[in-house]
Amino acid sequence: MKYAEINKRYTEIVSEYISKGYILNTATMTGSQGEIASVDLTNGEEILRVVISRFNDWGDSCSYKGVEIIVGRAGERDMVSPHEDDDVHTLWNSHLEVLRQERFYQVGES
């Protein structure tokens, strides 16, 4: 799979939620936590983040690298609300309730 196909898959996932009535929640999209990209969406009741990031899985005799797309729900732990731009609370990727995850592995490396 080429990276263009990962971009296409990411777009499909975001489009799926938009077709279900979710809209952009721009107030929670500031900053970076080292991810490649992230988009926050809301239906007015919850905030979902669709994020692309790199991962490394370490096994007994080898390691696996790749890119993953995660769809996660913001929890109460981060105290963020839809449509509020108070610039006080951060939606942390590590706090997301993972709803779905797709991994794309890099092949041909040692």
PDB file of N, CA and C in Angstrom:
ATOM      1  N   MET A   1       0.842  -1.173   0.000  1.00  0.00           N
ATOM      2  CA  MET A   1       0.000   0.000   0.000  1.00  0.00           C
ATOM      3  C   MET A   1       0.886   1.234   0.000  1.00  0.00           C
ATOM      4  N   LYS A   2       0.589   2.153  -0.841  1.00  0.00           N
ATOM      5  CA  LYS A   2       1.305   3.424  -0.917  1.00  0.00           C
ATOM      6  C   LYS A   2       0.677   4.414   0.063  1.00  0.00           C
ATOM      7  N   TYR A   3       1.440   5.453   0.423  1.00  0.00           N
ATOM      8  CA  TYR A   3       0.942   6.422   1.383  1.00  0.00           C
ATOM      9  C   TYR A   3      -0.285   7.161   0.857  1.00  0.00           C
ATOM     10  N   ALA A   4      -0.374   7.327  -0.468  1.00  0.00           N
ATOM     11  CA  ALA A   4      -1.564   7.961  -1.054  1.00  0.00           C
ATOM     12  C   ALA A   4      -2.819   7.166  -0.715  1.00  0.00           C
ATOM     13  N   GLU A   5      -2.698   5.856  -0.625  1.00  0.00           N
ATOM     14  CA  GLU A   5      -3.844   5.015  -0.275  1.00  0.00           C
ATOM     15  C   GLU A   5      -4.220   5.175   1.200  1.00  0.00           C
ATOM     16  N   ILE A   6      -3.231   5.418   2.047  1.00  0.00           N
ATOM     17  CA  ILE A   6      -3.511   5.689   3.455  1.00  0.00           C
ATOM     18  C   ILE A   6      -4.253   7.021   3.566  1.00  0.00           C
ATOM     19  N   ASN A   7      -3.808   8.025   2.805  1.00  0.00           N
ATOM     20  CA  ASN A   7      -4.523   9.304   2.781  1.00  0.00           C
ATOM     21  C   ASN A   7      -5.959   9.108   2.321  1.00  0.00           C
ATOM     22  N   LYS A   8      -6.156   8.280   1.311  1.00  0.00           N
ATOM     23  CA  LYS A   8      -7.502   8.019   0.805  1.00  0.00           C
ATOM     24  C   LYS A   8      -8.351   7.352   1.884  1.00  0.00           C
ATOM     25  N   ARG A   9      -7.786   6.366   2.584  1.00  0.00           N
ATOM     26  CA  ARG A   9      -8.533   5.665   3.640  1.00  0.00           C
ATOM     27  C   ARG A   9      -8.894   6.623   4.765  1.00  0.00           C
ATOM     28  N   TYR A  10      -7.961   7.493   5.149  1.00  0.00           N
ATOM     29  CA  TYR A  10      -8.209   8.496   6.184  1.00  0.00           C
ATOM     30  C   TYR A  10      -9.369   9.403   5.769  1.00  0.00           C
ATOM     31  N   THR A  11      -9.346   9.844   4.529  1.00  0.00           N
ATOM     32  CA  THR A  11     -10.418  10.693   3.995  1.00  0.00           C
ATOM     33  C   THR A  11     -11.755   9.960   4.018  1.00  0.00           C
ATOM     34  N   GLU A  12     -11.760   8.682   3.665  1.00  0.00           N
ATOM     35  CA  GLU A  12     -12.990   7.893   3.684  1.00  0.00           C
ATOM     36  C   GLU A  12     -13.575   7.802   5.085  1.00  0.00           C
ATOM     37  N   ILE A  13     -12.705   7.603   6.072  1.00  0.00           N
ATOM     38  CA  ILE A  13     -13.175   7.479   7.459  1.00  0.00           C
ATOM     39  C   ILE A  13     -13.773   8.802   7.935  1.00  0.00           C
ATOM     40  N   VAL A  14     -13.070   9.908   7.689  1.00  0.00           N
ATOM     41  CA  VAL A  14     -13.588  11.221   8.090  1.00  0.00           C
ATOM     42  C   VAL A  14     -14.907  11.494   7.367  1.00  0.00           C
ATOM     43  N   SER A  15     -14.970  11.191   6.079  1.00  0.00           N
ATOM     44  CA  SER A  15     -16.185  11.408   5.289  1.00  0.00           C
ATOM     45  C   SER A  15     -17.352  10.581   5.814  1.00  0.00           C
ATOM     46  N   GLU A  16     -17.067   9.377   6.276  1.00  0.00           N
ATOM     47  CA  GLU A  16     -18.115   8.509   6.843  1.00  0.00           C
ATOM     48  C   GLU A  16     -18.794   9.190   8.030  1.00  0.00           C
ATOM     49  N   TYR A  17     -18.003   9.781   8.915  1.00  0.00           N
ATOM     50  CA  TYR A  17     -18.574  10.450  10.086  1.00  0.00           C
ATOM     51  C   TYR A  17     -19.294  11.735   9.690  1.00  0.00           C
ATOM     52  N   ILE A  18     -18.769  12.455   8.715  1.00  0.00           N
ATOM     53  CA  ILE A  18     -19.458  13.663   8.245  1.00  0.00           C
ATOM     54  C   ILE A  18     -20.809  13.290   7.644  1.00  0.00           C
ATOM     55  N   SER A  19     -20.859  12.159   6.919  1.00  0.00           N
ATOM     56  CA  SER A  19     -22.135  11.730   6.330  1.00  0.00           C
ATOM     57  C   SER A  19     -23.141  11.309   7.400  1.00  0.00           C
ATOM     58  N   LYS A  20     -22.655  10.994   8.605  1.00  0.00           N
ATOM     59  CA  LYS A  20     -23.538  10.653   9.725  1.00  0.00           C
ATOM     60  C   LYS A  20     -23.961  11.887  10.512  1.00  0.00           C
ATOM     61  N   GLY A  21     -23.560  13.072  10.044  1.00  0.00           N
ATOM     62  CA  GLY A  21     -23.990  14.310  10.692  1.00  0.00           C
ATOM     63  C   GLY A  21     -22.946  14.982  11.558  1.00  0.00           C
ATOM     64  N   TYR A  22     -21.761  14.396  11.684  1.00  0.00           N
ATOM     65  CA  TYR A  22     -20.700  15.035  12.462  1.00  0.00           C
ATOM     66  C   TYR A  22     -20.150  16.224  11.685  1.00  0.00           C
ATOM     67  N   ILE A  23     -19.716  17.246  12.416  1.00  0.00           N
ATOM     68  CA  ILE A  23     -19.090  18.419  11.821  1.00  0.00           C
ATOM     69  C   ILE A  23     -17.752  18.650  12.513  1.00  0.00           C
ATOM     70  N   LEU A  24     -16.926  19.519  11.935  1.00  0.00           N
ATOM     71  CA  LEU A  24     -15.622  19.814  12.518  1.00  0.00           C
ATOM     72  C   LEU A  24     -15.778  20.511  13.859  1.00  0.00           C
ATOM     73  N   ASN A  25     -14.939  20.134  14.808  1.00  0.00           N
ATOM     74  CA  ASN A  25     -14.877  20.791  16.112  1.00  0.00           C
ATOM     75  C   ASN A  25     -13.487  21.425  16.209  1.00  0.00           C
ATOM     76  N   THR A  26     -13.335  22.603  15.630  1.00  0.00           N
ATOM     77  CA  THR A  26     -12.019  23.212  15.469  1.00  0.00           C
ATOM     78  C   THR A  26     -11.343  23.618  16.769  1.00  0.00           C
ATOM     79  N   ALA A  27     -12.097  23.895  17.802  1.00  0.00           N
ATOM     80  CA  ALA A  27     -11.512  24.378  19.060  1.00  0.00           C
ATOM     81  C   ALA A  27     -10.576  23.364  19.696  1.00  0.00           C
ATOM     82  N   THR A  28     -10.774  22.078  19.450  1.00  0.00           N
ATOM     83  CA  THR A  28      -9.926  21.054  20.058  1.00  0.00           C
ATOM     84  C   THR A  28      -8.807  20.600  19.133  1.00  0.00           C
ATOM     85  N   MET A  29      -8.657  21.222  17.977  1.00  0.00           N
ATOM     86  CA  MET A  29      -7.658  20.757  17.013  1.00  0.00           C
ATOM     87  C   MET A  29      -6.346  21.531  17.075  1.00  0.00           C
ATOM     88  N   THR A  30      -6.149  22.385  18.068  1.00  0.00           N
ATOM     89  CA  THR A  30      -4.891  23.129  18.159  1.00  0.00           C
ATOM     90  C   THR A  30      -3.784  22.237  18.703  1.00  0.00           C
ATOM     91  N   GLY A  31      -2.553  22.608  18.435  1.00  0.00           N
ATOM     92  CA  GLY A  31      -1.404  21.905  18.981  1.00  0.00           C
ATOM     93  C   GLY A  31      -1.101  20.599  18.270  1.00  0.00           C
ATOM     94  N   SER A  32      -0.035  19.954  18.739  1.00  0.00           N
ATOM     95  CA  SER A  32       0.397  18.678  18.187  1.00  0.00           C
ATOM     96  C   SER A  32       0.941  17.811  19.300  1.00  0.00           C
ATOM     97  N   GLN A  33       0.691  16.525  19.184  1.00  0.00           N
ATOM     98  CA  GLN A  33       1.223  15.557  20.140  1.00  0.00           C
ATOM     99  C   GLN A  33       2.125  14.559  19.415  1.00  0.00           C
ATOM    100  N   GLY A  34       2.688  15.002  18.282  1.00  0.00           N
ATOM    101  CA  GLY A  34       3.589  14.163  17.514  1.00  0.00           C
ATOM    102  C   GLY A  34       2.900  13.330  16.446  1.00  0.00           C
ATOM    103  N   GLU A  35       1.589  13.479  16.318  1.00  0.00           N
ATOM    104  CA  GLU A  35       0.862  12.731  15.306  1.00  0.00           C
ATOM    105  C   GLU A  35       1.151  13.305  13.920  1.00  0.00           C
ATOM    106  N   ILE A  36       0.823  12.534  12.890  1.00  0.00           N
ATOM    107  CA  ILE A  36       0.955  13.014  11.518  1.00  0.00           C
ATOM    108  C   ILE A  36      -0.180  13.984  11.209  1.00  0.00           C
ATOM    109  N   ALA A  37      -1.403  13.618  11.583  1.00  0.00           N
ATOM    110  CA  ALA A  37      -2.575  14.462  11.331  1.00  0.00           C
ATOM    111  C   ALA A  37      -3.687  14.066  12.287  1.00  0.00           C
ATOM    112  N   SER A  38      -4.572  15.021  12.566  1.00  0.00           N
ATOM    113  CA  SER A  38      -5.764  14.699  13.351  1.00  0.00           C
ATOM    114  C   SER A  38      -6.887  15.656  12.979  1.00  0.00           C
ATOM    115  N   VAL A  39      -8.097  15.121  13.035  1.00  0.00           N
ATOM    116  CA  VAL A  39      -9.308  15.890  12.773  1.00  0.00           C
ATOM    117  C   VAL A  39     -10.281  15.577  13.901  1.00  0.00           C
ATOM    118  N   ASP A  40     -10.854  16.616  14.491  1.00  0.00           N
ATOM    119  CA  ASP A  40     -11.853  16.437  15.533  1.00  0.00           C
ATOM    120  C   ASP A  40     -13.235  16.731  14.971  1.00  0.00           C
ATOM    121  N   LEU A  41     -14.158  15.860  15.295  1.00  0.00           N
ATOM    122  CA  LEU A  41     -15.533  15.950  14.799  1.00  0.00           C
ATOM    123  C   LEU A  41     -16.500  15.886  15.968  1.00  0.00           C
ATOM    124  N   THR A  42     -17.659  16.508  15.809  1.00  0.00           N
ATOM    125  CA  THR A  42     -18.674  16.433  16.857  1.00  0.00           C
ATOM    126  C   THR A  42     -20.063  16.317  16.245  1.00  0.00           C
ATOM    127  N   ASN A  43     -20.934  15.674  16.995  1.00  0.00           N
ATOM    128  CA  ASN A  43     -22.356  15.647  16.645  1.00  0.00           C
ATOM    129  C   ASN A  43     -23.138  16.514  17.630  1.00  0.00           C
ATOM    130  N   GLY A  44     -22.429  17.307  18.432  1.00  0.00           N
ATOM    131  CA  GLY A  44     -23.044  18.166  19.433  1.00  0.00           C
ATOM    132  C   GLY A  44     -23.124  17.525  20.802  1.00  0.00           C
ATOM    133  N   GLU A  45     -22.935  16.205  20.858  1.00  0.00           N
ATOM    134  CA  GLU A  45     -22.986  15.487  22.132  1.00  0.00           C
ATOM    135  C   GLU A  45     -21.638  14.895  22.530  1.00  0.00           C
ATOM    136  N   GLU A  46     -20.829  14.545  21.543  1.00  0.00           N
ATOM    137  CA  GLU A  46     -19.523  13.944  21.807  1.00  0.00           C
ATOM    138  C   GLU A  46     -18.516  14.484  20.805  1.00  0.00           C
ATOM    139  N   ILE A  47     -17.245  14.306  21.130  1.00  0.00           N
ATOM    140  CA  ILE A  47     -16.173  14.682  20.226  1.00  0.00           C
ATOM    141  C   ILE A  47     -15.418  13.411  19.850  1.00  0.00           C
ATOM    142  N   LEU A  48     -15.226  13.220  18.557  1.00  0.00           N
ATOM    143  CA  LEU A  48     -14.420  12.117  18.049  1.00  0.00           C
ATOM    144  C   LEU A  48     -13.168  12.701  17.415  1.00  0.00           C
ATOM    145  N   ARG A  49     -12.057  12.016  17.595  1.00  0.00           N
ATOM    146  CA  ARG A  49     -10.812  12.406  16.927  1.00  0.00           C
ATOM    147  C   ARG A  49     -10.424  11.277  15.987  1.00  0.00           C
ATOM    148  N   VAL A  50     -10.095  11.653  14.753  1.00  0.00           N
ATOM    149  CA  VAL A  50      -9.550  10.716  13.776  1.00  0.00           C
ATOM    150  C   VAL A  50      -8.093  11.122  13.593  1.00  0.00           C
ATOM    151  N   VAL A  51      -7.186  10.254  14.012  1.00  0.00           N
ATOM    152  CA  VAL A  51      -5.770  10.604  14.073  1.00  0.00           C
ATOM    153  C   VAL A  51      -4.935   9.591  13.295  1.00  0.00           C
ATOM    154  N   ILE A  52      -3.907  10.084  12.627  1.00  0.00           N
ATOM    155  CA  ILE A  52      -2.905   9.226  11.984  1.00  0.00           C
ATOM    156  C   ILE A  52      -1.606   9.435  12.738  1.00  0.00           C
ATOM    157  N   SER A  53      -0.976   8.332  13.121  1.00  0.00           N
ATOM    158  CA  SER A  53       0.314   8.429  13.800  1.00  0.00           C
ATOM    159  C   SER A  53       1.185   7.235  13.433  1.00  0.00           C
ATOM    160  N   ARG A  54       2.451   7.357  13.730  1.00  0.00           N
ATOM    161  CA  ARG A  54       3.403   6.260  13.507  1.00  0.00           C
ATOM    162  C   ARG A  54       3.439   5.389  14.751  1.00  0.00           C
ATOM    163  N   PHE A  55       3.751   4.109  14.551  1.00  0.00           N
ATOM    164  CA  PHE A  55       3.890   3.202  15.683  1.00  0.00           C
ATOM    165  C   PHE A  55       5.085   2.285  15.466  1.00  0.00           C
ATOM    166  N   ASN A  56       5.583   1.756  16.567  1.00  0.00           N
ATOM    167  CA  ASN A  56       6.624   0.731  16.573  1.00  0.00           C
ATOM    168  C   ASN A  56       6.174  -0.362  17.521  1.00  0.00           C
ATOM    169  N   ASP A  57       6.102  -1.573  17.029  1.00  0.00           N
ATOM    170  CA  ASP A  57       5.826  -2.732  17.875  1.00  0.00           C
ATOM    171  C   ASP A  57       7.104  -3.542  17.977  1.00  0.00           C
ATOM    172  N   TRP A  58       7.527  -3.816  19.195  1.00  0.00           N
ATOM    173  CA  TRP A  58       8.759  -4.556  19.408  1.00  0.00           C
ATOM    174  C   TRP A  58       8.425  -5.991  19.767  1.00  0.00           C
ATOM    175  N   GLY A  59       8.902  -6.927  18.965  1.00  0.00           N
ATOM    176  CA  GLY A  59       8.696  -8.348  19.232  1.00  0.00           C
ATOM    177  C   GLY A  59       9.939  -8.966  19.837  1.00  0.00           C
ATOM    178  N   ASP A  60       9.937 -10.297  19.969  1.00  0.00           N
ATOM    179  CA  ASP A  60      11.081 -10.996  20.547  1.00  0.00           C
ATOM    180  C   ASP A  60      12.330 -10.874  19.681  1.00  0.00           C
ATOM    181  N   SER A  61      12.182 -11.005  18.384  1.00  0.00           N
ATOM    182  CA  SER A  61      13.354 -10.995  17.515  1.00  0.00           C
ATOM    183  C   SER A  61      13.282  -9.939  16.412  1.00  0.00           C
ATOM    184  N   CYS A  62      12.232  -9.155  16.382  1.00  0.00           N
ATOM    185  CA  CYS A  62      12.121  -8.138  15.337  1.00  0.00           C
ATOM    186  C   CYS A  62      11.194  -7.014  15.793  1.00  0.00           C
ATOM    187  N   SER A  63      11.190  -5.972  14.993  1.00  0.00           N
ATOM    188  CA  SER A  63      10.285  -4.862  15.287  1.00  0.00           C
ATOM    189  C   SER A  63       9.432  -4.593  14.060  1.00  0.00           C
ATOM    190  N   TYR A  64       8.252  -4.054  14.298  1.00  0.00           N
ATOM    191  CA  TYR A  64       7.321  -3.722  13.239  1.00  0.00           C
ATOM    192  C   TYR A  64       7.038  -2.230  13.302  1.00  0.00           C
ATOM    193  N   LYS A  65       7.181  -1.569  12.165  1.00  0.00           N
ATOM    194  CA  LYS A  65       6.903  -0.140  12.077  1.00  0.00           C
ATOM    195  C   LYS A  65       5.737   0.067  11.144  1.00  0.00           C
ATOM    196  N   GLY A  66       5.046   1.174  11.345  1.00  0.00           N
ATOM    197  CA  GLY A  66       3.965   1.482  10.437  1.00  0.00           C
ATOM    198  C   GLY A  66       3.235   2.746  10.806  1.00  0.00           C
ATOM    199  N   VAL A  67       2.094   2.892  10.173  1.00  0.00           N
ATOM    200  CA  VAL A  67       1.215   4.037  10.374  1.00  0.00           C
ATOM    201  C   VAL A  67      -0.148   3.490  10.772  1.00  0.00           C
ATOM    202  N   GLU A  68      -0.801   4.148  11.724  1.00  0.00           N
ATOM    203  CA  GLU A  68      -2.128   3.706  12.137  1.00  0.00           C
ATOM    204  C   GLU A  68      -3.114   4.867  12.095  1.00  0.00           C
ATOM    205  N   ILE A  69      -4.353   4.494  11.803  1.00  0.00           N
ATOM    206  CA  ILE A  69      -5.465   5.445  11.866  1.00  0.00           C
ATOM    207  C   ILE A  69      -6.326   5.006  13.040  1.00  0.00           C
ATOM    208  N   ILE A  70      -6.554   5.916  13.959  1.00  0.00           N
ATOM    209  CA  ILE A  70      -7.369   5.626  15.136  1.00  0.00           C
ATOM    210  C   ILE A  70      -8.555   6.583  15.159  1.00  0.00           C
ATOM    211  N   VAL A  71      -9.724   6.038  15.425  1.00  0.00           N
ATOM    212  CA  VAL A  71     -10.906   6.849  15.708  1.00  0.00           C
ATOM    213  C   VAL A  71     -11.176   6.667  17.194  1.00  0.00           C
ATOM    214  N   GLY A  72     -11.154   7.773  17.925  1.00  0.00           N
ATOM    215  CA  GLY A  72     -11.361   7.687  19.362  1.00  0.00           C
ATOM    216  C   GLY A  72     -12.318   8.750  19.861  1.00  0.00           C
ATOM    217  N   ARG A  73     -12.983   8.416  20.950  1.00  0.00           N
ATOM    218  CA  ARG A  73     -13.943   9.327  21.584  1.00  0.00           C
ATOM    219  C   ARG A  73     -13.260  10.031  22.748  1.00  0.00           C
ATOM    220  N   ALA A  74     -13.487  11.336  22.840  1.00  0.00           N
ATOM    221  CA  ALA A  74     -12.987  12.104  23.978  1.00  0.00           C
ATOM    222  C   ALA A  74     -13.741  11.678  25.223  1.00  0.00           C
ATOM    223  N   GLY A  75     -13.011  11.455  26.286  1.00  0.00           N
ATOM    224  CA  GLY A  75     -13.638  11.077  27.540  1.00  0.00           C
ATOM    225  C   GLY A  75     -13.801  12.254  28.469  1.00  0.00           C
ATOM    226  N   GLU A  76     -14.483  12.017  29.557  1.00  0.00           N
ATOM    227  CA  GLU A  76     -14.691  13.066  30.558  1.00  0.00           C
ATOM    228  C   GLU A  76     -13.382  13.486  31.211  1.00  0.00           C
ATOM    229  N   ARG A  77     -12.395  12.625  31.140  1.00  0.00           N
ATOM    230  CA  ARG A  77     -11.096  12.882  31.748  1.00  0.00           C
ATOM    231  C   ARG A  77     -10.462  14.188  31.248  1.00  0.00           C
ATOM    232  N   ASP A  78     -10.673  14.509  29.971  1.00  0.00           N
ATOM    233  CA  ASP A  78     -10.082  15.715  29.396  1.00  0.00           C
ATOM    234  C   ASP A  78     -10.956  16.947  29.542  1.00  0.00           C
ATOM    235  N   MET A  79     -12.196  16.777  29.964  1.00  0.00           N
ATOM    236  CA  MET A  79     -13.112  17.885  30.230  1.00  0.00           C
ATOM    237  C   MET A  79     -13.254  18.835  29.044  1.00  0.00           C
ATOM    238  N   VAL A  80     -13.382  18.278  27.846  1.00  0.00           N
ATOM    239  CA  VAL A  80     -13.629  19.096  26.665  1.00  0.00           C
ATOM    240  C   VAL A  80     -15.081  18.919  26.251  1.00  0.00           C
ATOM    241  N   SER A  81     -15.656  19.982  25.714  1.00  0.00           N
ATOM    242  CA  SER A  81     -17.051  19.956  25.289  1.00  0.00           C
ATOM    243  C   SER A  81     -17.150  20.415  23.842  1.00  0.00           C
ATOM    244  N   PRO A  82     -18.121  19.893  23.109  1.00  0.00           N
ATOM    245  CA  PRO A  82     -18.318  20.346  21.734  1.00  0.00           C
ATOM    246  C   PRO A  82     -18.611  21.842  21.672  1.00  0.00           C
ATOM    247  N   HIS A  83     -18.057  22.476  20.662  1.00  0.00           N
ATOM    248  CA  HIS A  83     -18.347  23.879  20.324  1.00  0.00           C
ATOM    249  C   HIS A  83     -17.925  24.873  21.394  1.00  0.00           C
ATOM    250  N   GLU A  84     -17.003  24.525  22.274  1.00  0.00           N
ATOM    251  CA  GLU A  84     -16.526  25.480  23.283  1.00  0.00           C
ATOM    252  C   GLU A  84     -15.072  25.800  23.018  1.00  0.00           C
ATOM    253  N   ASP A  85     -14.773  27.050  22.841  1.00  0.00           N
ATOM    254  CA  ASP A  85     -13.413  27.500  22.551  1.00  0.00           C
ATOM    255  C   ASP A  85     -12.848  28.250  23.753  1.00  0.00           C
ATOM    256  N   ASP A  86     -12.696  27.526  24.870  1.00  0.00           N
ATOM    257  CA  ASP A  86     -12.172  28.188  26.066  1.00  0.00           C
ATOM    258  C   ASP A  86     -10.656  28.092  26.164  1.00  0.00           C
ATOM    259  N   ASP A  87     -10.019  27.322  25.265  1.00  0.00           N
ATOM    260  CA  ASP A  87      -8.560  27.225  25.187  1.00  0.00           C
ATOM    261  C   ASP A  87      -7.923  26.806  26.509  1.00  0.00           C
ATOM    262  N   VAL A  88      -8.663  26.093  27.332  1.00  0.00           N
ATOM    263  CA  VAL A  88      -8.146  25.681  28.628  1.00  0.00           C
ATOM    264  C   VAL A  88      -7.822  24.190  28.645  1.00  0.00           C
ATOM    265  N   HIS A  89      -8.659  23.391  28.025  1.00  0.00           N
ATOM    266  CA  HIS A  89      -8.518  21.948  28.103  1.00  0.00           C
ATOM    267  C   HIS A  89      -7.972  21.377  26.801  1.00  0.00           C
ATOM    268  N   THR A  90      -7.162  20.342  26.927  1.00  0.00           N
ATOM    269  CA  THR A  90      -6.565  19.677  25.783  1.00  0.00           C
ATOM    270  C   THR A  90      -7.166  18.296  25.633  1.00  0.00           C
ATOM    271  N   LEU A  91      -7.459  17.912  24.425  1.00  0.00           N
ATOM    272  CA  LEU A  91      -7.906  16.561  24.117  1.00  0.00           C
ATOM    273  C   LEU A  91      -6.651  15.736  23.824  1.00  0.00           C
ATOM    274  N   TRP A  92      -6.310  14.846  24.748  1.00  0.00           N
ATOM    275  CA  TRP A  92      -5.077  14.075  24.634  1.00  0.00           C
ATOM    276  C   TRP A  92      -5.332  12.778  23.869  1.00  0.00           C
ATOM    277  N   ASN A  93      -4.473  12.512  22.880  1.00  0.00           N
ATOM    278  CA  ASN A  93      -4.596  11.283  22.089  1.00  0.00           C
ATOM    279  C   ASN A  93      -4.513  10.038  22.973  1.00  0.00           C
ATOM    280  N   SER A  94      -3.686  10.076  23.983  1.00  0.00           N
ATOM    281  CA  SER A  94      -3.503   8.905  24.857  1.00  0.00           C
ATOM    282  C   SER A  94      -4.711   8.655  25.763  1.00  0.00           C
ATOM    283  N   HIS A  95      -5.639   9.597  25.849  1.00  0.00           N
ATOM    284  CA  HIS A  95      -6.838   9.439  26.677  1.00  0.00           C
ATOM    285  C   HIS A  95      -8.056   8.988  25.884  1.00  0.00           C
ATOM    286  N   LEU A  96      -7.923   8.877  24.562  1.00  0.00           N
ATOM    287  CA  LEU A  96      -9.083   8.547  23.728  1.00  0.00           C
ATOM    288  C   LEU A  96      -9.602   7.147  24.022  1.00  0.00           C
ATOM    289  N   GLU A  97     -10.913   7.021  23.996  1.00  0.00           N
ATOM    290  CA  GLU A  97     -11.543   5.704  24.024  1.00  0.00           C
ATOM    291  C   GLU A  97     -11.535   5.222  22.572  1.00  0.00           C
ATOM    292  N   VAL A  98     -10.677   4.252  22.268  1.00  0.00           N
ATOM    293  CA  VAL A  98     -10.492   3.809  20.890  1.00  0.00           C
ATOM    294  C   VAL A  98     -11.737   3.073  20.413  1.00  0.00           C
ATOM    295  N   LEU A  99     -12.332   3.600  19.341  1.00  0.00           N
ATOM    296  CA  LEU A  99     -13.516   2.992  18.743  1.00  0.00           C
ATOM    297  C   LEU A  99     -13.133   2.072  17.593  1.00  0.00           C
ATOM    298  N   ARG A 100     -12.096   2.458  16.859  1.00  0.00           N
ATOM    299  CA  ARG A 100     -11.585   1.616  15.782  1.00  0.00           C
ATOM    300  C   ARG A 100     -10.151   2.001  15.481  1.00  0.00           C
ATOM    301  N   GLN A 101      -9.444   1.042  14.916  1.00  0.00           N
ATOM    302  CA  GLN A 101      -8.024   1.236  14.635  1.00  0.00           C
ATOM    303  C   GLN A 101      -7.657   0.411  13.409  1.00  0.00           C
ATOM    304  N   GLU A 102      -6.942   1.043  12.495  1.00  0.00           N
ATOM    305  CA  GLU A 102      -6.443   0.346  11.316  1.00  0.00           C
ATOM    306  C   GLU A 102      -4.942   0.577  11.256  1.00  0.00           C
ATOM    307  N   ARG A 103      -4.184  -0.512  11.089  1.00  0.00           N
ATOM    308  CA  ARG A 103      -2.733  -0.415  11.044  1.00  0.00           C
ATOM    309  C   ARG A 103      -2.216  -0.799   9.664  1.00  0.00           C
ATOM    310  N   PHE A 104      -1.207  -0.056   9.237  1.00  0.00           N
ATOM    311  CA  PHE A 104      -0.553  -0.293   7.964  1.00  0.00           C
ATOM    312  C   PHE A 104       0.930  -0.489   8.258  1.00  0.00           C
ATOM    313  N   TYR A 105       1.440  -1.693   7.983  1.00  0.00           N
ATOM    314  CA  TYR A 105       2.801  -2.051   8.344  1.00  0.00           C
ATOM    315  C   TYR A 105       3.775  -1.753   7.216  1.00  0.00           C
ATOM    316  N   GLN A 106       4.964  -1.322   7.607  1.00  0.00           N
ATOM    317  CA  GLN A 106       6.038  -1.096   6.653  1.00  0.00           C
ATOM    318  C   GLN A 106       6.724  -2.421   6.402  1.00  0.00           C
ATOM    319  N   VAL A 107       6.863  -2.791   5.155  1.00  0.00           N
ATOM    320  CA  VAL A 107       7.528  -4.056   4.807  1.00  0.00           C
ATOM    321  C   VAL A 107       8.854  -3.775   4.128  1.00  0.00           C
ATOM    322  N   GLY A 108       9.740  -4.760   4.179  1.00  0.00           N
ATOM    323  CA  GLY A 108      11.010  -4.628   3.503  1.00  0.00           C
ATOM    324  C   GLY A 108      12.108  -4.034   4.340  1.00  0.00           C
ATOM    325  N   GLU A 109      11.844  -3.786   5.606  1.00  0.00           N
ATOM    326  CA  GLU A 109      12.860  -3.267   6.518  1.00  0.00           C
ATOM    327  C   GLU A 109      13.442  -4.431   7.308  1.00  0.00           C
ATOM    328  N   SER A 110      14.554  -4.199   7.992  1.00  0.00           N
ATOM    329  CA  SER A 110      15.216  -5.292   8.718  1.00  0.00           C
ATOM    330  C   SER A 110      14.412  -5.786   9.889  1.00  0.00           C
TER     331      SER A 110
END
